[in-house]
Amino acid sequence: MLAHYGYEDGSGHYYIRLDTAKCAECPEKGCISACPEQLFATELDDFDDEVVLIREAARNTLQASCASCKANGEMELCRSVCPADAIGFSW
């Protein structure tokens, strides 16, 4: 299942997409420690699989929170540590 976390406003749309099926199979969850803004967290889904999500408090601030990685050419820092390729962006 694809989960989209983020928001849209007058300046555009800002979403991080997580493939929860792929994420559930990842034992490392390296995206959590790789993110300098600590956007990621884990929870159990409806099937009792541990999956990654974007923290509720961070969902409406993705444009600002991810700006430093995008500016430094590291937009895919969290994606680069994801062996399952479960992370995508839309902005």
PDB file of N, CA and C in Angstrom:
ATOM      1  N   MET A   1       0.840  -1.172   0.000  1.00  0.00           N
ATOM      2  CA  MET A   1       0.000   0.000   0.000  1.00  0.00           C
ATOM      3  C   MET A   1       0.890   1.241   0.000  1.00  0.00           C
ATOM      4  N   LEU A   2       0.523   2.224  -0.792  1.00  0.00           N
ATOM      5  CA  LEU A   2       1.254   3.482  -0.816  1.00  0.00           C
ATOM      6  C   LEU A   2       0.589   4.469   0.138  1.00  0.00           C
ATOM      7  N   ALA A   3       1.385   5.038   1.018  1.00  0.00           N
ATOM      8  CA  ALA A   3       0.897   6.058   1.949  1.00  0.00           C
ATOM      9  C   ALA A   3       1.553   7.379   1.571  1.00  0.00           C
ATOM     10  N   HIS A   4       0.754   8.426   1.464  1.00  0.00           N
ATOM     11  CA  HIS A   4       1.238   9.757   1.106  1.00  0.00           C
ATOM     12  C   HIS A   4       1.094  10.667   2.321  1.00  0.00           C
ATOM     13  N   TYR A   5       2.199  11.248   2.748  1.00  0.00           N
ATOM     14  CA  TYR A   5       2.205  12.143   3.900  1.00  0.00           C
ATOM     15  C   TYR A   5       2.663  13.515   3.442  1.00  0.00           C
ATOM     16  N   GLY A   6       1.871  14.543   3.722  1.00  0.00           N
ATOM     17  CA  GLY A   6       2.251  15.886   3.337  1.00  0.00           C
ATOM     18  C   GLY A   6       1.066  16.805   3.231  1.00  0.00           C
ATOM     19  N   TYR A   7       1.191  17.799   2.345  1.00  0.00           N
ATOM     20  CA  TYR A   7       0.155  18.819   2.228  1.00  0.00           C
ATOM     21  C   TYR A   7       0.302  19.554   0.902  1.00  0.00           C
ATOM     22  N   GLU A   8      -0.721  20.339   0.568  1.00  0.00           N
ATOM     23  CA  GLU A   8      -0.694  21.233  -0.577  1.00  0.00           C
ATOM     24  C   GLU A   8      -1.076  22.614  -0.096  1.00  0.00           C
ATOM     25  N   ASP A   9      -0.428  23.624  -0.680  1.00  0.00           N
ATOM     26  CA  ASP A   9      -0.819  25.001  -0.405  1.00  0.00           C
ATOM     27  C   ASP A   9      -0.633  25.808  -1.680  1.00  0.00           C
ATOM     28  N   GLY A  10      -0.724  27.113  -1.584  1.00  0.00           N
ATOM     29  CA  GLY A  10      -0.622  27.960  -2.765  1.00  0.00           C
ATOM     30  C   GLY A  10       0.721  27.878  -3.471  1.00  0.00           C
ATOM     31  N   SER A  11       1.750  27.441  -2.773  1.00  0.00           N
ATOM     32  CA  SER A  11       3.075  27.377  -3.385  1.00  0.00           C
ATOM     33  C   SER A  11       3.371  26.020  -4.037  1.00  0.00           C
ATOM     34  N   GLY A  12       2.515  25.038  -3.809  1.00  0.00           N
ATOM     35  CA  GLY A  12       2.730  23.736  -4.429  1.00  0.00           C
ATOM     36  C   GLY A  12       2.261  22.590  -3.556  1.00  0.00           C
ATOM     37  N   HIS A  13       2.689  21.400  -3.913  1.00  0.00           N
ATOM     38  CA  HIS A  13       2.349  20.212  -3.126  1.00  0.00           C
ATOM     39  C   HIS A  13       3.647  19.574  -2.650  1.00  0.00           C
ATOM     40  N   TYR A  14       3.602  19.056  -1.429  1.00  0.00           N
ATOM     41  CA  TYR A  14       4.791  18.522  -0.771  1.00  0.00           C
ATOM     42  C   TYR A  14       4.415  17.217  -0.084  1.00  0.00           C
ATOM     43  N   TYR A  15       4.804  16.107  -0.688  1.00  0.00           N
ATOM     44  CA  TYR A  15       4.454  14.797  -0.154  1.00  0.00           C
ATOM     45  C   TYR A  15       5.671  13.874  -0.145  1.00  0.00           C
ATOM     46  N   ILE A  16       5.716  13.052   0.872  1.00  0.00           N
ATOM     47  CA  ILE A  16       6.631  11.919   0.900  1.00  0.00           C
ATOM     48  C   ILE A  16       5.752  10.679   0.794  1.00  0.00           C
ATOM     49  N   ARG A  17       6.107   9.812  -0.147  1.00  0.00           N
ATOM     50  CA  ARG A  17       5.336   8.593  -0.399  1.00  0.00           C
ATOM     51  C   ARG A  17       6.117   7.410   0.157  1.00  0.00           C
ATOM     52  N   LEU A  18       5.445   6.583   0.934  1.00  0.00           N
ATOM     53  CA  LEU A  18       6.066   5.390   1.510  1.00  0.00           C
ATOM     54  C   LEU A  18       5.281   4.156   1.081  1.00  0.00           C
ATOM     55  N   ASP A  19       5.991   3.176   0.559  1.00  0.00           N
ATOM     56  CA  ASP A  19       5.383   1.901   0.202  1.00  0.00           C
ATOM     57  C   ASP A  19       5.438   1.027   1.451  1.00  0.00           C
ATOM     58  N   THR A  20       4.321   0.929   2.145  1.00  0.00           N
ATOM     59  CA  THR A  20       4.309   0.242   3.437  1.00  0.00           C
ATOM     60  C   THR A  20       4.565  -1.254   3.309  1.00  0.00           C
ATOM     61  N   ALA A  21       4.208  -1.854   2.184  1.00  0.00           N
ATOM     62  CA  ALA A  21       4.477  -3.281   1.991  1.00  0.00           C
ATOM     63  C   ALA A  21       5.977  -3.531   1.929  1.00  0.00           C
ATOM     64  N   LYS A  22       6.701  -2.696   1.180  1.00  0.00           N
ATOM     65  CA  LYS A  22       8.151  -2.823   1.103  1.00  0.00           C
ATOM     66  C   LYS A  22       8.795  -2.459   2.437  1.00  0.00           C
ATOM     67  N   CYS A  23       8.259  -1.450   3.072  1.00  0.00           N
ATOM     68  CA  CYS A  23       8.807  -0.968   4.338  1.00  0.00           C
ATOM     69  C   CYS A  23       8.706  -2.029   5.437  1.00  0.00           C
ATOM     70  N   ALA A  24       7.622  -2.756   5.446  1.00  0.00           N
ATOM     71  CA  ALA A  24       7.421  -3.775   6.466  1.00  0.00           C
ATOM     72  C   ALA A  24       8.482  -4.869   6.387  1.00  0.00           C
ATOM     73  N   GLU A  25       9.051  -5.080   5.206  1.00  0.00           N
ATOM     74  CA  GLU A  25      10.063  -6.116   5.015  1.00  0.00           C
ATOM     75  C   GLU A  25      11.470  -5.646   5.368  1.00  0.00           C
ATOM     76  N   CYS A  26      11.648  -4.363   5.614  1.00  0.00           N
ATOM     77  CA  CYS A  26      12.972  -3.795   5.880  1.00  0.00           C
ATOM     78  C   CYS A  26      13.296  -3.906   7.374  1.00  0.00           C
ATOM     79  N   PRO A  27      14.316  -4.666   7.722  1.00  0.00           N
ATOM     80  CA  PRO A  27      14.647  -4.809   9.148  1.00  0.00           C
ATOM     81  C   PRO A  27      15.407  -3.608   9.717  1.00  0.00           C
ATOM     82  N   GLU A  28      16.124  -2.851   8.869  1.00  0.00           N
ATOM     83  CA  GLU A  28      16.983  -1.787   9.378  1.00  0.00           C
ATOM     84  C   GLU A  28      16.239  -0.491   9.702  1.00  0.00           C
ATOM     85  N   LYS A  29      15.286  -0.112   8.855  1.00  0.00           N
ATOM     86  CA  LYS A  29      14.584   1.174   8.983  1.00  0.00           C
ATOM     87  C   LYS A  29      15.600   2.317   9.075  1.00  0.00           C
ATOM     88  N   GLY A  30      16.595   2.280   8.180  1.00  0.00           N
ATOM     89  CA  GLY A  30      17.682   3.252   8.175  1.00  0.00           C
ATOM     90  C   GLY A  30      17.252   4.673   7.902  1.00  0.00           C
ATOM     91  N   CYS A  31      16.099   4.858   7.290  1.00  0.00           N
ATOM     92  CA  CYS A  31      15.619   6.206   6.994  1.00  0.00           C
ATOM     93  C   CYS A  31      15.393   7.016   8.267  1.00  0.00           C
ATOM     94  N   ILE A  32      15.059   6.342   9.350  1.00  0.00           N
ATOM     95  CA  ILE A  32      14.792   7.047  10.608  1.00  0.00           C
ATOM     96  C   ILE A  32      16.039   7.760  11.101  1.00  0.00           C
ATOM     97  N   SER A  33      17.162   7.074  11.121  1.00  0.00           N
ATOM     98  CA  SER A  33      18.391   7.694  11.615  1.00  0.00           C
ATOM     99  C   SER A  33      19.054   8.582  10.568  1.00  0.00           C
ATOM    100  N   ALA A  34      18.776   8.352   9.279  1.00  0.00           N
ATOM    101  CA  ALA A  34      19.409   9.146   8.220  1.00  0.00           C
ATOM    102  C   ALA A  34      18.813  10.537   8.087  1.00  0.00           C
ATOM    103  N   CYS A  35      17.586  10.721   8.470  1.00  0.00           N
ATOM    104  CA  CYS A  35      16.903  12.003   8.291  1.00  0.00           C
ATOM    105  C   CYS A  35      17.378  13.013   9.333  1.00  0.00           C
ATOM    106  N   PRO A  36      18.022  14.110   8.898  1.00  0.00           N
ATOM    107  CA  PRO A  36      18.504  15.103   9.863  1.00  0.00           C
ATOM    108  C   PRO A  36      17.374  15.852  10.574  1.00  0.00           C
ATOM    109  N   GLU A  37      16.188  15.849   9.988  1.00  0.00           N
ATOM    110  CA  GLU A  37      15.048  16.549  10.588  1.00  0.00           C
ATOM    111  C   GLU A  37      14.171  15.627  11.435  1.00  0.00           C
ATOM    112  N   GLN A  38      14.531  14.369  11.523  1.00  0.00           N
ATOM    113  CA  GLN A  38      13.793  13.373  12.306  1.00  0.00           C
ATOM    114  C   GLN A  38      12.305  13.346  11.943  1.00  0.00           C
ATOM    115  N   LEU A  39      12.041  13.269  10.648  1.00  0.00           N
ATOM    116  CA  LEU A  39      10.670  13.239  10.159  1.00  0.00           C
ATOM    117  C   LEU A  39      10.014  11.873  10.316  1.00  0.00           C
ATOM    118  N   PHE A  40      10.826  10.814  10.314  1.00  0.00           N
ATOM    119  CA  PHE A  40      10.301   9.451  10.276  1.00  0.00           C
ATOM    120  C   PHE A  40      10.126   8.862  11.667  1.00  0.00           C
ATOM    121  N   ALA A  41       9.124   8.011  11.785  1.00  0.00           N
ATOM    122  CA  ALA A  41       8.867   7.247  13.005  1.00  0.00           C
ATOM    123  C   ALA A  41       8.291   5.898  12.578  1.00  0.00           C
ATOM    124  N   THR A  42       8.155   4.978  13.505  1.00  0.00           N
ATOM    125  CA  THR A  42       7.559   3.679  13.179  1.00  0.00           C
ATOM    126  C   THR A  42       6.280   3.474  13.971  1.00  0.00           C
ATOM    127  N   GLU A  43       5.439   2.616  13.427  1.00  0.00           N
ATOM    128  CA  GLU A  43       4.235   2.176  14.126  1.00  0.00           C
ATOM    129  C   GLU A  43       3.815   0.837  13.544  1.00  0.00           C
ATOM    130  N   LEU A  44       2.967   0.150  14.242  1.00  0.00           N
ATOM    131  CA  LEU A  44       2.428  -1.110  13.742  1.00  0.00           C
ATOM    132  C   LEU A  44       1.228  -0.814  12.865  1.00  0.00           C
ATOM    133  N   ASP A  45       1.181  -1.451  11.689  1.00  0.00           N
ATOM    134  CA  ASP A  45       0.030  -1.256  10.815  1.00  0.00           C
ATOM    135  C   ASP A  45      -1.087  -2.232  11.194  1.00  0.00           C
ATOM    136  N   ASP A  46      -2.126  -2.275  10.389  1.00  0.00           N
ATOM    137  CA  ASP A  46      -3.281  -3.133  10.673  1.00  0.00           C
ATOM    138  C   ASP A  46      -2.953  -4.620  10.659  1.00  0.00           C
ATOM    139  N   PHE A  47      -1.791  -4.968  10.091  1.00  0.00           N
ATOM    140  CA  PHE A  47      -1.384  -6.367  10.007  1.00  0.00           C
ATOM    141  C   PHE A  47      -0.274  -6.692  10.997  1.00  0.00           C
ATOM    142  N   ASP A  48      -0.062  -5.793  11.967  1.00  0.00           N
ATOM    143  CA  ASP A  48       0.975  -5.913  12.992  1.00  0.00           C
ATOM    144  C   ASP A  48       2.390  -5.941  12.416  1.00  0.00           C
ATOM    145  N   ASP A  49       2.562  -5.293  11.267  1.00  0.00           N
ATOM    146  CA  ASP A  49       3.893  -5.107  10.696  1.00  0.00           C
ATOM    147  C   ASP A  49       4.401  -3.739  11.121  1.00  0.00           C
ATOM    148  N   GLU A  50       5.676  -3.656  11.450  1.00  0.00           N
ATOM    149  CA  GLU A  50       6.264  -2.370  11.800  1.00  0.00           C
ATOM    150  C   GLU A  50       6.596  -1.624  10.514  1.00  0.00           C
ATOM    151  N   VAL A  51       5.978  -0.470  10.324  1.00  0.00           N
ATOM    152  CA  VAL A  51       6.192   0.341   9.130  1.00  0.00           C
ATOM    153  C   VAL A  51       6.607   1.753   9.539  1.00  0.00           C
ATOM    154  N   VAL A  52       7.219   2.437   8.596  1.00  0.00           N
ATOM    155  CA  VAL A  52       7.657   3.811   8.818  1.00  0.00           C
ATOM    156  C   VAL A  52       6.560   4.755   8.360  1.00  0.00           C
ATOM    157  N   LEU A  53       6.436   5.865   9.052  1.00  0.00           N
ATOM    158  CA  LEU A  53       5.516   6.921   8.674  1.00  0.00           C
ATOM    159  C   LEU A  53       6.179   8.264   8.930  1.00  0.00           C
ATOM    160  N   ILE A  54       5.552   9.324   8.468  1.00  0.00           N
ATOM    161  CA  ILE A  54       6.025  10.672   8.748  1.00  0.00           C
ATOM    162  C   ILE A  54       5.281  11.148   9.995  1.00  0.00           C
ATOM    163  N   ARG A  55       6.057  11.622  10.980  1.00  0.00           N
ATOM    164  CA  ARG A  55       5.444  12.075  12.229  1.00  0.00           C
ATOM    165  C   ARG A  55       4.349  13.097  11.944  1.00  0.00           C
ATOM    166  N   GLU A  56       3.267  13.002  12.670  1.00  0.00           N
ATOM    167  CA  GLU A  56       2.105  13.878  12.497  1.00  0.00           C
ATOM    168  C   GLU A  56       2.505  15.359  12.532  1.00  0.00           C
ATOM    169  N   ALA A  57       3.334  15.731  13.488  1.00  0.00           N
ATOM    170  CA  ALA A  57       3.731  17.134  13.650  1.00  0.00           C
ATOM    171  C   ALA A  57       4.572  17.639  12.479  1.00  0.00           C
ATOM    172  N   ALA A  58       5.182  16.740  11.717  1.00  0.00           N
ATOM    173  CA  ALA A  58       6.062  17.140  10.620  1.00  0.00           C
ATOM    174  C   ALA A  58       5.362  17.182   9.268  1.00  0.00           C
ATOM    175  N   ARG A  59       4.169  16.671   9.179  1.00  0.00           N
ATOM    176  CA  ARG A  59       3.510  16.519   7.880  1.00  0.00           C
ATOM    177  C   ARG A  59       3.207  17.844   7.197  1.00  0.00           C
ATOM    178  N   ASN A  60       2.933  18.881   7.949  1.00  0.00           N
ATOM    179  CA  ASN A  60       2.606  20.176   7.356  1.00  0.00           C
ATOM    180  C   ASN A  60       3.812  21.091   7.243  1.00  0.00           C
ATOM    181  N   THR A  61       4.998  20.555   7.457  1.00  0.00           N
ATOM    182  CA  THR A  61       6.212  21.373   7.378  1.00  0.00           C
ATOM    183  C   THR A  61       7.250  20.776   6.443  1.00  0.00           C
ATOM    184  N   LEU A  62       6.848  19.867   5.564  1.00  0.00           N
ATOM    185  CA  LEU A  62       7.815  19.180   4.709  1.00  0.00           C
ATOM    186  C   LEU A  62       8.597  20.130   3.816  1.00  0.00           C
ATOM    187  N   GLN A  63       7.956  21.181   3.318  1.00  0.00           N
ATOM    188  CA  GLN A  63       8.668  22.111   2.445  1.00  0.00           C
ATOM    189  C   GLN A  63       9.877  22.698   3.179  1.00  0.00           C
ATOM    190  N   ALA A  64       9.683  23.141   4.401  1.00  0.00           N
ATOM    191  CA  ALA A  64      10.778  23.721   5.180  1.00  0.00           C
ATOM    192  C   ALA A  64      11.714  22.643   5.724  1.00  0.00           C
ATOM    193  N   SER A  65      11.156  21.548   6.188  1.00  0.00           N
ATOM    194  CA  SER A  65      11.971  20.497   6.800  1.00  0.00           C
ATOM    195  C   SER A  65      12.909  19.831   5.812  1.00  0.00           C
ATOM    196  N   CYS A  66      12.480  19.639   4.591  1.00  0.00           N
ATOM    197  CA  CYS A  66      13.299  18.964   3.583  1.00  0.00           C
ATOM    198  C   CYS A  66      14.151  19.946   2.776  1.00  0.00           C
ATOM    199  N   ALA A  67      13.989  21.232   3.009  1.00  0.00           N
ATOM    200  CA  ALA A  67      14.699  22.243   2.221  1.00  0.00           C
ATOM    201  C   ALA A  67      16.212  22.131   2.355  1.00  0.00           C
ATOM    202  N   SER A  68      16.714  21.849   3.547  1.00  0.00           N
ATOM    203  CA  SER A  68      18.164  21.787   3.716  1.00  0.00           C
ATOM    204  C   SER A  68      18.770  20.621   2.931  1.00  0.00           C
ATOM    205  N   CYS A  69      18.103  19.481   2.878  1.00  0.00           N
ATOM    206  CA  CYS A  69      18.610  18.349   2.092  1.00  0.00           C
ATOM    207  C   CYS A  69      18.539  18.664   0.604  1.00  0.00           C
ATOM    208  N   LYS A  70      17.448  19.278   0.159  1.00  0.00           N
ATOM    209  CA  LYS A  70      17.321  19.620  -1.254  1.00  0.00           C
ATOM    210  C   LYS A  70      18.367  20.647  -1.654  1.00  0.00           C
ATOM    211  N   ALA A  71      18.634  21.618  -0.809  1.00  0.00           N
ATOM    212  CA  ALA A  71      19.603  22.673  -1.120  1.00  0.00           C
ATOM    213  C   ALA A  71      21.030  22.133  -1.185  1.00  0.00           C
ATOM    214  N   ASN A  72      21.318  21.116  -0.398  1.00  0.00           N
ATOM    215  CA  ASN A  72      22.658  20.531  -0.372  1.00  0.00           C
ATOM    216  C   ASN A  72      22.821  19.396  -1.374  1.00  0.00           C
ATOM    217  N   GLY A  73      21.821  19.205  -2.213  1.00  0.00           N
ATOM    218  CA  GLY A  73      21.897  18.123  -3.194  1.00  0.00           C
ATOM    219  C   GLY A  73      21.708  16.752  -2.575  1.00  0.00           C
ATOM    220  N   GLU A  74      21.167  16.703  -1.381  1.00  0.00           N
ATOM    221  CA  GLU A  74      20.970  15.435  -0.673  1.00  0.00           C
ATOM    222  C   GLU A  74      19.485  15.087  -0.586  1.00  0.00           C
ATOM    223  N   MET A  75      18.707  15.495  -1.589  1.00  0.00           N
ATOM    224  CA  MET A  75      17.266  15.296  -1.531  1.00  0.00           C
ATOM    225  C   MET A  75      16.908  13.844  -1.283  1.00  0.00           C
ATOM    226  N   GLU A  76      17.761  12.952  -1.703  1.00  0.00           N
ATOM    227  CA  GLU A  76      17.455  11.539  -1.576  1.00  0.00           C
ATOM    228  C   GLU A  76      18.256  10.877  -0.457  1.00  0.00           C
ATOM    229  N   LEU A  77      18.667  11.638   0.535  1.00  0.00           N
ATOM    230  CA  LEU A  77      19.432  11.081   1.648  1.00  0.00           C
ATOM    231  C   LEU A  77      18.668   9.933   2.305  1.00  0.00           C
ATOM    232  N   CYS A  78      17.408  10.151   2.643  1.00  0.00           N
ATOM    233  CA  CYS A  78      16.638   9.082   3.277  1.00  0.00           C
ATOM    234  C   CYS A  78      16.392   7.935   2.306  1.00  0.00           C
ATOM    235  N   ARG A  79      16.183   8.256   1.043  1.00  0.00           N
ATOM    236  CA  ARG A  79      15.946   7.207   0.052  1.00  0.00           C
ATOM    237  C   ARG A  79      17.217   6.394  -0.201  1.00  0.00           C
ATOM    238  N   SER A  80      18.378   7.024  -0.093  1.00  0.00           N
ATOM    239  CA  SER A  80      19.621   6.318  -0.381  1.00  0.00           C
ATOM    240  C   SER A  80      19.930   5.216   0.631  1.00  0.00           C
ATOM    241  N   VAL A  81      19.381   5.308   1.827  1.00  0.00           N
ATOM    242  CA  VAL A  81      19.624   4.279   2.843  1.00  0.00           C
ATOM    243  C   VAL A  81      18.496   3.252   2.900  1.00  0.00           C
ATOM    244  N   CYS A  82      17.530   3.380   2.010  1.00  0.00           N
ATOM    245  CA  CYS A  82      16.381   2.464   1.993  1.00  0.00           C
ATOM    246  C   CYS A  82      16.645   1.340   1.001  1.00  0.00           C
ATOM    247  N   PRO A  83      17.013   0.138   1.477  1.00  0.00           N
ATOM    248  CA  PRO A  83      17.308  -0.960   0.559  1.00  0.00           C
ATOM    249  C   PRO A  83      16.077  -1.448  -0.206  1.00  0.00           C
ATOM    250  N   ALA A  84      14.891  -1.160   0.293  1.00  0.00           N
ATOM    251  CA  ALA A  84      13.667  -1.622  -0.352  1.00  0.00           C
ATOM    252  C   ALA A  84      13.139  -0.628  -1.378  1.00  0.00           C
ATOM    253  N   ASP A  85      13.769   0.540  -1.497  1.00  0.00           N
ATOM    254  CA  ASP A  85      13.308   1.596  -2.403  1.00  0.00           C
ATOM    255  C   ASP A  85      11.832   1.921  -2.146  1.00  0.00           C
ATOM    256  N   ALA A  86      11.504   2.118  -0.886  1.00  0.00           N
ATOM    257  CA  ALA A  86      10.115   2.339  -0.478  1.00  0.00           C
ATOM    258  C   ALA A  86       9.760   3.812  -0.310  1.00  0.00           C
ATOM    259  N   ILE A  87      10.705   4.731  -0.549  1.00  0.00           N
ATOM    260  CA  ILE A  87      10.486   6.155  -0.318  1.00  0.00           C
ATOM    261  C   ILE A  87      10.486   6.907  -1.632  1.00  0.00           C
ATOM    262  N   GLY A  88       9.487   7.780  -1.805  1.00  0.00           N
ATOM    263  CA  GLY A  88       9.416   8.640  -2.977  1.00  0.00           C
ATOM    264  C   GLY A  88       8.988  10.040  -2.560  1.00  0.00           C
ATOM    265  N   PHE A  89       9.168  10.991  -3.471  1.00  0.00           N
ATOM    266  CA  PHE A  89       8.841  12.382  -3.167  1.00  0.00           C
ATOM    267  C   PHE A  89       7.950  12.949  -4.256  1.00  0.00           C
ATOM    268  N   SER A  90       7.147  13.936  -3.900  1.00  0.00           N
ATOM    269  CA  SER A  90       6.350  14.664  -4.863  1.00  0.00           C
ATOM    270  C   SER A  90       6.353  16.122  -4.457  1.00  0.00           C
ATOM    271  N   TRP A  91       7.187  16.921  -5.167  1.00  0.00           N
ATOM    272  CA  TRP A  91       7.191  18.373  -4.994  1.00  0.00           C
ATOM    273  C   TRP A  91       7.792  19.041  -6.174  1.00  0.00           C
TER     274      TRP A  91
END
